[in-house]
């Protein structure tokens, strides 16, 4: 299953952006997608078409809250030879650290 990482930076809104992050995450939760919030980004699992749609909604959300500019960085890991999850990727590395 594809995994996307997104970082959204509203520009021109001050130094605190937690309200903007929360609003963007509401888009993910409304779709029932599995996600992991990190200190600097959000990681989301889902089918590719659904990911693209929610990533667009997340990018647009700061504009709807009045941000004059938004910088968004997106990475997509789309492995098609086998199904992977966020937990699987972390577990494999943790096992190798032992």
Protein backbone atom coordinates (compact mmCIF):
# COMPACT_ATOMS: atom_id res chain seq x y z
CA UNK A 1 0.00 0.00 0.00
CA UNK A 2 1.40 3.44 -0.84
CA UNK A 3 2.68 5.57 2.01
CA UNK A 4 2.90 9.36 1.70
CA UNK A 5 4.73 11.86 3.86
CA UNK A 6 3.55 15.46 3.80
CA UNK A 7 4.89 18.62 5.39
CA UNK A 8 2.78 21.75 5.09
CA UNK A 9 4.22 25.14 6.02
CA UNK A 10 1.81 28.08 6.00
CA UNK A 11 3.85 31.23 5.32
CA UNK A 12 2.98 34.63 6.73
CA UNK A 13 0.92 33.39 9.68
CA UNK A 14 3.37 33.71 12.58
CA UNK A 15 5.60 31.16 14.23
CA UNK A 16 2.95 28.78 15.62
CA UNK A 17 1.29 26.55 13.03
CA UNK A 18 -0.40 23.90 15.21
CA UNK A 19 -3.90 25.17 14.34
CA UNK A 20 -3.07 24.72 10.65
CA UNK A 21 -1.66 21.23 11.23
CA UNK A 22 -4.77 20.21 13.17
CA UNK A 23 -7.02 21.46 10.38
CA UNK A 24 -5.04 19.55 7.75
CA UNK A 25 -5.22 16.37 9.86
CA UNK A 26 -9.00 16.68 10.04
CA UNK A 27 -8.99 16.00 6.28
CA UNK A 28 -7.15 12.71 6.85
CA UNK A 29 -9.34 11.66 9.76
CA UNK A 30 -12.53 12.45 7.82
CA UNK A 31 -11.46 9.87 5.22
CA UNK A 32 -10.60 7.29 7.85
CA UNK A 33 -7.05 6.92 6.60
CA UNK A 34 -4.31 5.52 8.80
CA UNK A 35 -1.77 8.21 9.68
CA UNK A 36 1.13 8.98 11.97
CA UNK A 37 1.83 12.51 13.13
CA UNK A 38 5.51 13.31 13.63
CA UNK A 39 7.08 16.52 14.95
CA UNK A 40 7.76 17.75 11.40
CA UNK A 41 5.39 15.90 9.08
CA UNK A 42 2.48 13.50 8.74
CA UNK A 43 2.72 10.02 7.23
CA UNK A 44 -0.41 8.55 5.65
CA UNK A 45 -1.28 5.11 4.24
CA UNK A 46 -3.87 4.63 1.54
CA UNK A 47 -4.63 3.86 -2.05
CA UNK A 48 -2.81 6.20 -4.42
CA UNK A 49 -5.90 8.00 -5.76
CA UNK A 50 -7.18 8.61 -2.26
CA UNK A 51 -3.77 9.82 -1.10
CA UNK A 52 -3.54 12.34 -3.91
CA UNK A 53 -7.00 13.67 -3.08
CA UNK A 54 -6.35 14.06 0.65
CA UNK A 55 -2.89 15.56 0.04
CA UNK A 56 -4.53 18.21 -2.14
CA UNK A 57 -7.16 18.91 0.54
CA UNK A 58 -4.42 19.20 3.17
CA UNK A 59 -2.44 21.62 0.98
CA UNK A 60 -5.53 23.78 0.45
CA UNK A 61 -6.56 23.87 4.12
CA UNK A 62 -4.18 26.66 5.26
CA UNK A 63 -5.45 28.91 2.47
CA UNK A 64 -8.99 28.38 3.79
CA UNK A 65 -7.76 29.55 7.21
CA UNK A 66 -6.30 32.73 5.69
CA UNK A 67 -2.68 31.84 4.99
CA UNK A 68 -1.40 33.93 2.07
CA UNK A 69 1.19 31.34 1.02
CA UNK A 70 1.71 27.60 1.59
CA UNK A 71 4.84 25.51 1.08
CA UNK A 72 4.11 21.77 0.83
CA UNK A 73 6.62 18.92 0.52
CA UNK A 74 5.32 15.45 -0.41
CA UNK A 75 7.14 12.10 -0.62
CA UNK A 76 5.41 8.92 -1.78
CA UNK A 77 6.69 5.39 -1.25
CA UNK A 78 4.75 3.15 -3.66
CA UNK A 79 6.11 -0.38 -3.51
CA UNK A 80 4.26 -2.76 -5.82
CA UNK A 81 6.17 -6.03 -5.48
CA UNK A 82 4.71 -6.59 -1.99
CA UNK A 83 2.35 -4.93 0.43
CA UNK A 84 4.00 -2.81 3.12
CA UNK A 85 2.73 -0.74 6.02
CA UNK A 86 4.18 2.00 8.16
CA UNK A 87 4.58 -0.46 11.03
CA UNK A 88 6.32 -3.02 8.83
CA UNK A 89 8.92 -0.52 7.64
CA UNK A 90 9.73 0.57 11.19
CA UNK A 91 9.75 -2.99 12.56
CA UNK A 92 12.22 -4.22 9.93
CA UNK A 93 14.74 -1.52 10.80
CA UNK A 94 14.26 -2.00 14.56
CA UNK A 95 14.90 -5.73 14.18
CA UNK A 96 18.14 -5.01 12.34
CA UNK A 97 19.26 -2.71 15.15
CA UNK A 98 19.14 -5.58 17.67
